[in-house]
Amino acid sequence: MPTDRLVGWLATLVITGIAFALRIVHLGRPRYLVFDETYYAKDAYSLLKFGYERNWPDNANASIVAGHPDVTLNSAEFVVHPPIGKWLIAVGEQIFGMNSFGWRFASLVFGSLLILMTIRLVRRVSRSTMIGCLAGVLLTVDGLSFVMSRIALLDIFLAFFLVAGLACLAADRDWFRNRLADHLVATGKPDLGYEFGPLMLFRPWRLLAGLTFGLALGTKWNTLYVLAAFCLLALAWDVGARRLAGAGRRSAWAILKDGIPAFFSIVVVTGIVYVASWASWFATSGGYDRQWGAQNPDATTTRLFGSAFASFLHYQKDIYAFHTGTYINEQTHTYNANPAGWLIIARTIGIDAVNDIKPGTDGCPTGGENCLRVISGIGTPLLWWGAVIALVIALILWVGGRDWRFGIPIVGVLSAWLPWFQYTGRPQFFFYAIAIIPFSAMAVALCLGLLIGPRPHTPDQRRRRMFGGIAAGVFVALVALNFAYIYPILTDQLLPYSKWLSRMWFKGWI
């Protein structure tokens, strides 16, 4: 690891602080519920008040904006996402009230922490504070990450917990290899001599990974794909570590001897945390499906697990049926975005829009064209398009060059992206790609690290590093300028129609 631990943390905190400062400006604007905030902000308030989600009347949004949020109905609402993200939103509402700043505050915090976690992950993997900070800077000026940090949706929490879980697995990789090295030093042997080596049943970083992946799963179910992919990658790291230490063919036994403990440390812990995330639903009696077990005492699950847990299992079945059933597959949406176009930003997502603001109204200049205010969920184009190239390079270096570092962004992007192709019959949205961009930024940062090159020792190496550093700096500067250009359409700023249209580079962005 780099020896600049203090500098590394200071740089991390400075970049995170800058990201927080950028994102908090006019956080409460607009002051009403935008897009799917109408679900999650109100669900969070219901959890805060009752411990479970309740239905709301049709005029609830207007009543909330007027400062009268306590208008929930007595009936339980059928919600299709677990409660962790909504509980986090509820924390902001508890501190600042049921208002636009309150329900967006948690997204601001976790969107900033996502940048911190990405910096620390990339620093560990690259063994470079500079490369880690590059990843953080790129994520700071990504438009989609910026927007998702400023609205009360669940996906920013999901992205944070996924990156945190991976960071724990990367830390475990180092921990495990250090323990193998300590074993060799303690026994005085140069290698394992074709023996399997010591079993390490207790691996604290894997337990912490189980906790964070459990919180991710308690936010959204698509965690399962990322969890499965990174568990397999971590198992491959174990096999590789034992082979490197001299286990030879016996290293393959790591699939069982390390894999089974890993299953309990990560997967089982994830499941336990997920069930625990529904604690308030269990503790109350009015939640959706909460009385199903009591109403169906002869059901097999009720007889095996008791009425409460049987009700829970039935609820999970209902949620799965919603996500895969005919109802959702028959829906349409203006901003439906096929995942095939996510990496190149083929279709953006409109979060909010106030159109046709007349000249002389709401700050629109007199005597000119109509104006508008929009919040568009759009990634910073130069970053996303550059990431496509970086991911191709990363794939070549991982598969062809056997460089383990580049496998992380590849596995991260593919596991957060490819599973969505099996659900193209239902509406999908570009903002789901928020789980992709931290790994894309990581790929770009690692490739920029290759461009900059290692620490120089000769004049030629210094010259090469200088040119590489200039090229990398120019790319980061262009991404930042690109972000500044699209900033008005990320932040609900007033724009004349022509200036808005100049930022809509493709028809799919409108």
Protein backbone atom coordinates (compact mmCIF):
# COMPACT_ATOMS: atom_id res chain seq x y z
CA MET A 1 0.00 0.00 0.00
CA PRO A 2 1.11 3.62 -0.46
CA THR A 3 2.98 5.04 2.53
CA ASP A 4 1.26 8.44 2.33
CA ARG A 5 -1.57 7.40 4.60
CA LEU A 6 -2.20 10.85 6.10
CA VAL A 7 -1.95 12.62 2.75
CA GLY A 8 -4.18 9.93 1.25
CA TRP A 9 -6.92 10.56 3.78
CA LEU A 10 -6.59 14.33 3.53
CA ALA A 11 -6.89 14.20 -0.26
CA THR A 12 -9.88 11.85 0.03
CA LEU A 13 -11.67 14.13 2.47
CA VAL A 14 -10.95 17.26 0.42
CA ILE A 15 -12.40 15.74 -2.77
CA THR A 16 -15.39 14.39 -0.85
CA GLY A 17 -15.92 17.80 0.73
CA ILE A 18 -15.82 19.49 -2.67
CA ALA A 19 -18.35 16.99 -4.00
CA PHE A 20 -20.61 17.62 -1.00
CA ALA A 21 -20.35 21.38 -1.47
CA LEU A 22 -21.20 21.12 -5.18
CA ARG A 23 -24.22 18.94 -4.47
CA ILE A 24 -25.73 20.85 -1.56
CA VAL A 25 -26.23 24.11 -3.51
CA HIS A 26 -30.00 24.67 -3.88
CA LEU A 27 -30.59 21.06 -2.77
CA GLY A 28 -34.18 21.91 -1.81
CA ARG A 29 -35.07 23.26 -5.27
CA PRO A 30 -37.62 22.50 -6.60
CA ARG A 31 -39.57 22.43 -3.36
CA TYR A 32 -42.04 19.82 -4.48
CA LEU A 33 -41.78 16.06 -5.03
CA VAL A 34 -40.15 15.26 -8.35
CA PHE A 35 -40.31 12.00 -10.31
CA ASP A 36 -40.32 8.92 -8.02
CA GLU A 37 -39.78 11.01 -4.92
CA THR A 38 -43.57 10.82 -4.77
CA TYR A 39 -43.12 7.20 -3.65
CA TYR A 40 -39.93 7.09 -1.61
CA ALA A 41 -40.14 10.35 0.31
CA LYS A 42 -43.69 9.51 1.40
CA ASP A 43 -42.83 5.87 2.14
CA ALA A 44 -39.97 7.11 4.31
CA TYR A 45 -42.31 9.39 6.24
CA SER A 46 -44.75 6.51 6.77
CA LEU A 47 -41.93 4.33 8.10
CA LEU A 48 -40.91 7.11 10.44
CA LYS A 49 -44.43 7.55 11.77
CA PHE A 50 -45.83 4.01 11.77
CA GLY A 51 -43.01 1.53 11.10
CA TYR A 52 -44.53 0.45 7.79
CA GLU A 53 -45.65 2.12 4.56
CA ARG A 54 -49.21 3.43 4.33
CA ASN A 55 -51.26 4.61 1.39
CA TRP A 56 -51.70 8.32 0.74
CA PRO A 57 -54.66 10.28 -0.66
CA ASP A 58 -54.53 11.69 -4.19
CA ASN A 59 -53.90 15.23 -2.97
CA ALA A 60 -51.06 14.22 -0.64
CA ASN A 61 -48.26 15.92 -2.60
CA ALA A 62 -49.97 19.32 -2.50
CA SER A 63 -50.67 18.88 1.20
CA ILE A 64 -47.01 18.01 1.88
CA VAL A 65 -45.76 21.06 -0.02
CA ALA A 66 -48.21 23.20 1.97
CA GLY A 67 -46.62 21.93 5.19
CA HIS A 68 -49.28 19.41 6.20
CA PRO A 69 -47.77 15.94 5.69
CA ASP A 70 -49.86 14.01 8.21
CA VAL A 71 -52.57 12.91 5.79
CA THR A 72 -51.76 9.22 5.38
CA LEU A 73 -54.60 6.75 5.05
CA ASN A 74 -55.04 3.87 7.49
CA SER A 75 -54.47 1.17 4.86
CA ALA A 76 -51.11 -0.49 4.23
CA GLU A 77 -49.35 0.19 0.94
CA PHE A 78 -47.95 -2.57 -1.25
CA VAL A 79 -44.32 -1.53 -1.71
CA VAL A 80 -41.97 -3.37 -4.05
CA HIS A 81 -38.56 -2.39 -2.63
CA PRO A 82 -37.03 -3.23 0.77
CA PRO A 83 -36.87 -0.53 3.45
CA ILE A 84 -33.20 0.38 4.01
CA GLY A 85 -33.03 3.22 1.49
CA LYS A 86 -36.34 4.59 2.70
CA TRP A 87 -35.19 4.49 6.31
CA LEU A 88 -32.13 6.53 5.31
CA ILE A 89 -34.37 9.08 3.60
CA ALA A 90 -36.45 9.13 6.78
CA VAL A 91 -33.38 10.18 8.80
CA GLY A 92 -33.17 13.39 6.79
CA GLU A 93 -36.89 13.96 7.22
CA GLN A 94 -36.56 13.46 10.95
CA ILE A 95 -33.72 16.02 11.19
CA PHE A 96 -34.92 18.68 8.75
CA GLY A 97 -38.63 17.98 8.46
CA MET A 98 -40.89 16.64 5.71
CA ASN A 99 -39.67 19.09 3.09
CA SER A 100 -37.59 18.94 -0.08
CA PHE A 101 -34.28 19.50 1.73
CA GLY A 102 -35.16 16.92 4.37
CA TRP A 103 -36.10 14.11 2.01
CA ARG A 104 -33.04 14.75 -0.22
CA PHE A 105 -30.44 15.14 2.52
CA ALA A 106 -29.63 11.44 2.88
CA SER A 107 -29.02 11.14 -0.87
CA LEU A 108 -26.61 14.07 -0.62
CA VAL A 109 -24.69 12.39 2.20
CA PHE A 110 -24.49 8.96 0.60
CA GLY A 111 -23.77 10.40 -2.84
CA SER A 112 -20.76 12.14 -1.32
CA LEU A 113 -19.74 9.03 0.62
CA LEU A 114 -19.90 7.06 -2.64
CA ILE A 115 -17.07 9.27 -3.90
CA LEU A 116 -15.09 8.72 -0.70
CA MET A 117 -15.54 4.96 -0.92
CA THR A 118 -14.57 4.90 -4.60
CA ILE A 119 -11.36 6.80 -3.88
CA ARG A 120 -10.37 4.39 -1.12
CA LEU A 121 -11.21 1.34 -3.23
CA VAL A 122 -9.25 2.54 -6.26
CA ARG A 123 -6.34 3.66 -4.07
CA ARG A 124 -6.12 0.17 -2.57
CA VAL A 125 -6.38 -1.61 -5.90
CA SER A 126 -3.99 0.67 -7.79
CA ARG A 127 -1.62 1.19 -4.85
CA SER A 128 -1.69 4.87 -5.74
CA THR A 129 -3.30 7.78 -3.93
CA MET A 130 -3.15 9.79 -7.14
CA ILE A 131 -5.10 7.20 -9.15
CA GLY A 132 -7.65 6.85 -6.37
CA CYS A 133 -8.15 10.61 -6.31
CA LEU A 134 -8.50 10.70 -10.09
CA ALA A 135 -11.40 8.25 -9.81
CA GLY A 136 -12.96 10.44 -7.12
CA VAL A 137 -12.63 13.61 -9.17
CA LEU A 138 -14.19 11.94 -12.22
CA LEU A 139 -17.12 10.69 -10.16
CA THR A 140 -17.51 14.13 -8.60
CA VAL A 141 -18.12 15.68 -12.02
CA ASP A 142 -20.34 12.94 -13.40
CA GLY A 143 -23.79 14.29 -14.18
CA LEU A 144 -25.76 11.16 -13.26
CA SER A 145 -23.97 10.73 -9.94
CA PHE A 146 -24.57 14.42 -9.27
CA VAL A 147 -28.31 14.28 -9.97
CA MET A 148 -28.86 11.04 -8.06
CA SER A 149 -27.14 12.65 -5.05
CA ARG A 150 -29.79 15.39 -5.07
CA ILE A 151 -33.10 13.50 -5.30
CA ALA A 152 -34.78 11.07 -2.94
CA LEU A 153 -34.50 7.82 -4.89
CA LEU A 154 -33.06 4.53 -3.66
CA ASP A 155 -30.35 3.91 -6.23
CA ILE A 156 -27.66 6.18 -4.77
CA PHE A 157 -27.77 4.16 -1.54
CA LEU A 158 -27.55 0.95 -3.55
CA ALA A 159 -24.47 2.23 -5.39
CA PHE A 160 -22.76 3.20 -2.14
CA PHE A 161 -23.34 -0.13 -0.43
CA LEU A 162 -22.23 -2.09 -3.51
CA VAL A 163 -18.95 -0.18 -3.73
CA ALA A 164 -18.49 -0.50 0.04
CA GLY A 165 -19.02 -4.26 -0.17
CA LEU A 166 -16.47 -4.55 -2.94
CA ALA A 167 -14.03 -2.37 -0.98
CA CYS A 168 -14.32 -4.86 1.89
CA LEU A 169 -13.58 -7.77 -0.45
CA ALA A 170 -10.56 -5.94 -1.86
CA ALA A 171 -9.32 -5.33 1.69
CA ASP A 172 -9.87 -9.02 2.46
CA ARG A 173 -7.73 -9.94 -0.56
CA ASP A 174 -4.81 -8.03 0.96
CA TRP A 175 -5.56 -9.35 4.46
CA PHE A 176 -5.58 -12.96 3.24
CA ARG A 177 -2.31 -12.65 1.30
CA ASN A 178 -0.63 -10.97 4.25
CA ARG A 179 -1.71 -13.83 6.52
CA LEU A 180 -0.34 -16.40 4.07
CA ALA A 181 2.96 -14.50 3.99
CA ASP A 182 2.99 -14.35 7.82
CA HIS A 183 2.46 -18.12 7.91
CA LEU A 184 5.46 -18.71 5.66
CA VAL A 185 7.62 -16.41 7.75
CA ALA A 186 6.50 -18.11 10.97
CA THR A 187 7.26 -21.60 9.62
CA GLY A 188 10.52 -20.54 8.00
CA LYS A 189 9.48 -22.01 4.64
CA PRO A 190 10.02 -20.34 1.25
CA ASP A 191 6.58 -21.51 0.07
CA LEU A 192 3.78 -23.94 0.92
CA GLY A 193 5.58 -26.84 -0.75
CA TYR A 194 2.46 -27.98 -2.63
CA GLU A 195 0.44 -28.10 0.60
CA PHE A 196 -2.89 -26.28 0.84
CA GLY A 197 -1.79 -24.07 3.70
CA PRO A 198 -3.61 -22.78 6.77
CA LEU A 199 -7.38 -22.54 6.94
CA MET A 200 -8.60 -19.08 7.84
CA LEU A 201 -12.20 -19.46 8.88
CA PHE A 202 -12.55 -16.03 10.48
CA ARG A 203 -11.97 -13.24 7.99
CA PRO A 204 -13.30 -9.96 9.41
CA TRP A 205 -13.38 -8.09 6.11
CA ARG A 206 -15.66 -10.74 4.65
CA LEU A 207 -18.07 -10.38 7.54
CA LEU A 208 -18.12 -6.64 6.94
CA ALA A 209 -18.72 -7.33 3.24
CA GLY A 210 -21.71 -9.46 4.22
CA LEU A 211 -23.05 -6.57 6.28
CA THR A 212 -22.69 -4.00 3.49
CA PHE A 213 -24.07 -6.31 0.79
CA GLY A 214 -26.96 -7.04 3.15
CA LEU A 215 -27.68 -3.31 3.38
CA ALA A 216 -27.50 -3.11 -0.42
CA LEU A 217 -29.94 -6.00 -0.75
CA GLY A 218 -32.14 -4.28 1.83
CA THR A 219 -32.25 -1.34 -0.58
CA LYS A 220 -32.83 -3.09 -3.91
CA TRP A 221 -32.88 -6.69 -5.08
CA ASN A 222 -30.55 -6.27 -8.06
CA THR A 223 -27.77 -6.46 -5.47
CA LEU A 224 -27.96 -10.25 -5.89
CA TYR A 225 -26.26 -10.21 -9.28
CA VAL A 226 -23.37 -8.03 -8.14
CA LEU A 227 -23.02 -10.05 -4.94
CA ALA A 228 -22.82 -13.34 -6.85
CA ALA A 229 -20.29 -11.99 -9.34
CA PHE A 230 -17.94 -10.56 -6.74
CA CYS A 231 -18.17 -13.65 -4.52
CA LEU A 232 -16.93 -15.70 -7.47
CA LEU A 233 -14.18 -13.17 -8.17
CA ALA A 234 -13.12 -13.20 -4.50
CA LEU A 235 -12.97 -16.99 -4.60
CA ALA A 236 -10.73 -16.79 -7.67
CA TRP A 237 -8.49 -14.44 -5.69
CA ASP A 238 -8.21 -17.09 -2.95
CA VAL A 239 -7.20 -19.77 -5.44
CA GLY A 240 -4.65 -17.43 -6.98
CA ALA A 241 -3.21 -16.45 -3.61
CA ARG A 242 -2.65 -20.06 -2.55
CA ARG A 243 -1.15 -20.92 -5.94
CA LEU A 244 1.21 -17.96 -5.64
CA ALA A 245 2.18 -19.12 -2.15
CA GLY A 246 3.19 -22.51 -3.54
CA ALA A 247 0.11 -24.70 -3.07
CA GLY A 248 0.24 -25.90 -6.68
CA ARG A 249 -2.74 -28.00 -7.70
CA ARG A 250 -3.97 -28.09 -4.13
CA SER A 251 -4.89 -24.42 -4.47
CA ALA A 252 -8.05 -25.57 -6.26
CA TRP A 253 -9.31 -26.88 -2.92
CA ALA A 254 -9.85 -23.23 -2.01
CA ILE A 255 -13.12 -23.47 -3.93
CA LEU A 256 -14.43 -25.62 -1.06
CA LYS A 257 -12.19 -24.94 1.92
CA ASP A 258 -12.25 -21.16 1.51
CA GLY A 259 -15.51 -21.03 -0.42
CA ILE A 260 -17.75 -22.62 2.22
CA PRO A 261 -16.64 -20.27 5.02
CA ALA A 262 -16.99 -17.39 2.56
CA PHE A 263 -20.55 -18.47 1.82
CA PHE A 264 -21.44 -18.16 5.49
CA SER A 265 -19.43 -14.96 6.05
CA ILE A 266 -20.83 -13.13 3.04
CA VAL A 267 -23.97 -14.74 1.63
CA VAL A 268 -25.57 -15.95 4.87
CA VAL A 269 -24.73 -12.69 6.65
CA THR A 270 -26.22 -10.80 3.70
CA GLY A 271 -29.43 -12.79 4.11
CA ILE A 272 -29.57 -12.19 7.85
CA VAL A 273 -29.08 -8.44 7.40
CA TYR A 274 -31.75 -8.40 4.71
CA VAL A 275 -34.34 -10.04 6.98
CA ALA A 276 -33.30 -7.74 9.83
CA SER A 277 -33.88 -4.73 7.56
CA TRP A 278 -37.60 -5.53 7.78
CA ALA A 279 -37.54 -5.31 11.59
CA SER A 280 -40.13 -2.54 11.82
CA TRP A 281 -42.49 -4.50 9.55
CA PHE A 282 -42.16 -7.49 11.90
CA ALA A 283 -42.55 -5.28 14.98
CA THR A 284 -45.83 -3.77 13.83
CA SER A 285 -49.09 -5.42 12.82
CA GLY A 286 -50.44 -3.19 10.07
CA GLY A 287 -47.95 -3.66 7.23
CA TYR A 288 -48.91 -5.12 3.88
CA ASP A 289 -49.31 -8.93 4.07
CA ARG A 290 -48.36 -8.75 7.76
CA GLN A 291 -51.38 -10.86 8.80
CA TRP A 292 -51.17 -13.37 5.96
CA GLY A 293 -49.74 -16.12 8.18
CA ALA A 294 -52.41 -15.62 10.83
CA GLN A 295 -55.07 -15.73 8.12
CA ASN A 296 -53.58 -18.90 6.60
CA PRO A 297 -52.67 -21.11 9.60
CA ASP A 298 -52.73 -24.30 7.51
CA ALA A 299 -50.22 -23.07 4.94
CA THR A 300 -46.97 -25.05 4.88
CA THR A 301 -44.82 -22.00 5.55
CA THR A 302 -46.99 -21.03 8.52
CA ARG A 303 -46.68 -24.47 10.06
CA LEU A 304 -42.91 -24.57 9.44
CA PHE A 305 -41.89 -21.01 10.32
CA GLY A 306 -44.73 -19.46 12.27
CA SER A 307 -47.20 -16.83 11.15
CA ALA A 308 -44.86 -13.81 11.15
CA PHE A 309 -42.12 -15.31 9.00
CA ALA A 310 -44.66 -17.02 6.76
CA SER A 311 -46.22 -13.60 6.16
CA PHE A 312 -42.77 -12.24 5.34
CA LEU A 313 -42.08 -15.00 2.81
CA HIS A 314 -45.46 -14.46 1.20
CA TYR A 315 -44.75 -10.75 0.90
CA GLN A 316 -41.41 -11.46 -0.81
CA LYS A 317 -43.25 -13.72 -3.24
CA ASP A 318 -45.72 -10.93 -4.00
CA ILE A 319 -42.85 -8.51 -4.63
CA TYR A 320 -41.17 -10.94 -7.00
CA ALA A 321 -44.44 -11.46 -8.83
CA PHE A 322 -44.79 -7.71 -9.29
CA HIS A 323 -41.30 -7.31 -10.75
CA THR A 324 -41.71 -10.22 -13.16
CA GLY A 325 -45.47 -10.32 -13.77
CA THR A 326 -47.72 -9.20 -16.57
CA TYR A 327 -48.65 -5.88 -14.93
CA ILE A 328 -45.16 -4.39 -15.05
CA ASN A 329 -44.47 -5.89 -18.46
CA GLU A 330 -47.53 -4.20 -19.91
CA GLN A 331 -46.49 -0.73 -18.70
CA THR A 332 -44.95 1.93 -20.92
CA HIS A 333 -43.00 5.08 -20.11
CA THR A 334 -41.78 8.06 -22.11
CA TYR A 335 -38.27 7.71 -20.72
CA ASN A 336 -37.94 3.95 -21.15
CA ALA A 337 -34.25 3.30 -21.82
CA ASN A 338 -33.06 -0.05 -23.19
CA PRO A 339 -29.92 -1.12 -21.29
CA ALA A 340 -28.14 -1.66 -24.62
CA GLY A 341 -27.77 2.12 -24.80
CA TRP A 342 -26.82 2.89 -21.20
CA LEU A 343 -23.04 2.96 -21.60
CA ILE A 344 -23.24 5.51 -24.42
CA ILE A 345 -26.13 7.51 -22.89
CA ALA A 346 -28.51 6.74 -25.73
CA ARG A 347 -31.54 7.74 -23.63
CA THR A 348 -31.56 10.03 -20.60
CA ILE A 349 -34.19 10.39 -17.89
CA GLY A 350 -36.28 13.50 -17.30
CA ILE A 351 -36.52 14.07 -13.56
CA ASP A 352 -38.51 17.30 -13.69
CA ALA A 353 -39.45 20.01 -16.19
CA VAL A 354 -41.28 23.32 -16.22
CA ASN A 355 -41.79 24.18 -19.88
CA ASP A 356 -42.99 27.23 -21.82
CA ILE A 357 -42.05 29.89 -19.30
CA LYS A 358 -43.11 33.08 -21.05
CA PRO A 359 -40.72 36.04 -21.51
CA GLY A 360 -40.90 38.37 -18.54
CA THR A 361 -42.11 35.54 -16.29
CA ASP A 362 -40.05 33.78 -13.58
CA GLY A 363 -36.85 35.51 -14.66
CA CYS A 364 -37.18 34.69 -18.37
CA PRO A 365 -35.72 37.64 -20.34
CA THR A 366 -38.31 39.91 -21.91
CA GLY A 367 -38.57 40.25 -25.65
CA GLY A 368 -37.02 36.89 -26.36
CA GLU A 369 -37.91 33.24 -26.61
CA ASN A 370 -39.66 31.05 -24.07
CA CYS A 371 -37.63 29.56 -21.25
CA LEU A 372 -37.72 26.34 -19.26
CA ARG A 373 -36.32 24.68 -16.16
CA VAL A 374 -35.34 21.01 -16.25
CA ILE A 375 -33.56 18.37 -14.22
CA SER A 376 -32.15 15.75 -16.56
CA GLY A 377 -30.60 12.52 -15.40
CA ILE A 378 -27.64 12.43 -17.75
CA GLY A 379 -24.08 11.25 -17.33
CA THR A 380 -21.23 13.56 -18.29
CA PRO A 381 -20.85 12.46 -21.93
CA LEU A 382 -17.04 12.65 -22.27
CA LEU A 383 -16.62 10.57 -19.13
CA TRP A 384 -19.09 7.89 -20.17
CA TRP A 385 -17.79 7.66 -23.73
CA GLY A 386 -14.21 7.60 -22.49
CA ALA A 387 -15.21 4.87 -20.06
CA VAL A 388 -16.35 2.64 -22.94
CA ILE A 389 -12.82 2.79 -24.36
CA ALA A 390 -11.31 2.29 -20.91
CA LEU A 391 -13.47 -0.77 -20.29
CA VAL A 392 -12.31 -2.35 -23.55
CA ILE A 393 -8.70 -1.74 -22.52
CA ALA A 394 -9.44 -3.09 -19.04
CA LEU A 395 -10.94 -6.28 -20.50
CA ILE A 396 -7.85 -6.84 -22.65
CA LEU A 397 -5.48 -6.26 -19.73
CA TRP A 398 -7.49 -8.49 -17.40
CA VAL A 399 -8.01 -11.42 -19.76
CA GLY A 400 -4.94 -11.06 -21.97
CA GLY A 401 -2.53 -9.42 -19.55
CA ARG A 402 -3.77 -11.27 -16.43
CA ASP A 403 -3.78 -8.04 -14.47
CA TRP A 404 -6.23 -8.67 -11.62
CA ARG A 405 -6.82 -4.98 -10.97
CA PHE A 406 -8.70 -4.47 -14.23
CA GLY A 407 -11.02 -7.37 -13.49
CA ILE A 408 -12.77 -5.39 -10.78
CA PRO A 409 -14.31 -2.67 -12.99
CA ILE A 410 -15.14 -5.26 -15.66
CA VAL A 411 -16.99 -7.52 -13.22
CA GLY A 412 -18.61 -4.51 -11.56
CA VAL A 413 -19.95 -3.05 -14.80
CA LEU A 414 -21.11 -6.37 -16.25
CA SER A 415 -22.85 -7.56 -13.08
CA ALA A 416 -24.66 -4.23 -12.65
CA TRP A 417 -25.58 -3.99 -16.33
CA LEU A 418 -26.10 -7.32 -18.11
CA PRO A 419 -28.86 -8.71 -15.81
CA TRP A 420 -31.18 -5.91 -16.95
CA PHE A 421 -31.30 -7.35 -20.47
CA GLN A 422 -33.58 -10.16 -19.28
CA TYR A 423 -36.19 -7.56 -18.27
CA THR A 424 -36.37 -5.44 -21.43
CA GLY A 425 -40.08 -6.17 -21.72
CA ARG A 426 -40.76 -3.80 -18.83
CA PRO A 427 -39.91 -0.07 -18.54
CA GLN A 428 -36.30 0.57 -17.57
CA PHE A 429 -34.57 3.83 -16.85
CA PHE A 430 -31.11 5.27 -17.36
CA PHE A 431 -30.76 6.17 -13.69
CA TYR A 432 -30.39 2.45 -12.92
CA ALA A 433 -26.89 2.88 -14.37
CA ILE A 434 -25.80 4.76 -11.23
CA ALA A 435 -24.57 1.35 -10.02
CA ILE A 436 -22.32 1.20 -13.10
CA ILE A 437 -20.57 4.58 -13.09
CA PRO A 438 -18.30 4.03 -10.02
CA PHE A 439 -16.78 1.01 -11.78
CA SER A 440 -16.56 2.90 -15.07
CA ALA A 441 -14.76 5.76 -13.33
CA MET A 442 -12.42 3.19 -11.80
CA ALA A 443 -11.61 1.78 -15.25
CA VAL A 444 -10.87 5.27 -16.57
CA ALA A 445 -8.66 6.11 -13.58
CA LEU A 446 -6.68 2.87 -13.92
CA CYS A 447 -6.14 3.52 -17.62
CA LEU A 448 -5.06 7.09 -16.89
CA GLY A 449 -2.60 5.61 -14.41
CA LEU A 450 -1.11 3.50 -17.22
CA LEU A 451 -0.93 6.60 -19.40
CA ILE A 452 0.91 8.56 -16.69
CA GLY A 453 3.25 5.65 -16.03
CA PRO A 454 5.33 4.58 -13.02
CA ARG A 455 7.65 6.73 -10.96
CA PRO A 456 10.51 7.81 -13.25
CA HIS A 457 14.19 7.07 -12.70
CA THR A 458 15.74 8.31 -15.95
CA PRO A 459 15.34 11.50 -18.02
CA ASP A 460 13.44 9.59 -20.72
CA GLN A 461 11.05 8.18 -18.12
CA ARG A 462 10.53 11.64 -16.64
CA ARG A 463 9.76 13.04 -20.08
CA ARG A 464 7.32 10.23 -20.81
CA ARG A 465 5.62 10.67 -17.45
CA MET A 466 5.33 14.42 -18.03
CA PHE A 467 3.56 13.95 -21.36
CA GLY A 468 1.39 11.19 -19.92
CA GLY A 469 0.46 13.41 -17.00
CA ILE A 470 -0.41 16.29 -19.33
CA ALA A 471 -2.63 14.02 -21.45
CA ALA A 472 -4.40 12.65 -18.38
CA GLY A 473 -4.85 16.16 -16.98
CA VAL A 474 -6.31 17.41 -20.26
CA PHE A 475 -8.84 14.56 -20.27
CA VAL A 476 -9.93 15.24 -16.67
CA ALA A 477 -10.17 18.98 -17.42
CA LEU A 478 -12.33 18.32 -20.50
CA VAL A 479 -14.64 16.10 -18.43
CA ALA A 480 -14.93 18.85 -15.82
CA LEU A 481 -15.71 21.44 -18.50
CA ASN A 482 -18.28 19.10 -20.02
CA PHE A 483 -19.90 18.79 -16.59
CA ALA A 484 -19.93 22.56 -16.20
CA TYR A 485 -21.65 22.88 -19.58
CA ILE A 486 -24.47 20.50 -18.68
CA TYR A 487 -24.71 21.80 -15.09
CA PRO A 488 -27.76 24.03 -15.80
CA ILE A 489 -29.84 21.05 -16.98
CA LEU A 490 -28.85 19.10 -13.88
CA THR A 491 -29.95 21.77 -11.43
CA ASP A 492 -33.30 23.19 -12.55
CA GLN A 493 -31.75 26.43 -13.79
CA LEU A 494 -33.68 28.80 -16.01
CA LEU A 495 -32.60 28.48 -19.66
CA PRO A 496 -33.88 30.01 -22.89
CA TYR A 497 -35.15 27.25 -25.15
CA SER A 498 -32.25 27.56 -27.60
CA LYS A 499 -29.63 27.19 -24.85
CA TRP A 500 -31.39 24.12 -23.52
CA LEU A 501 -31.58 22.66 -27.01
CA SER A 502 -27.85 23.24 -27.51
CA ARG A 503 -27.24 20.77 -24.69
CA MET A 504 -29.51 18.14 -26.20
CA TRP A 505 -26.92 16.61 -28.52
CA PHE A 506 -29.11 13.68 -29.57
CA LYS A 507 -32.82 13.09 -30.03
CA GLY A 508 -32.77 10.45 -27.29
CA TRP A 509 -31.77 13.12 -24.79
CA ILE A 510 -35.00 15.08 -25.23
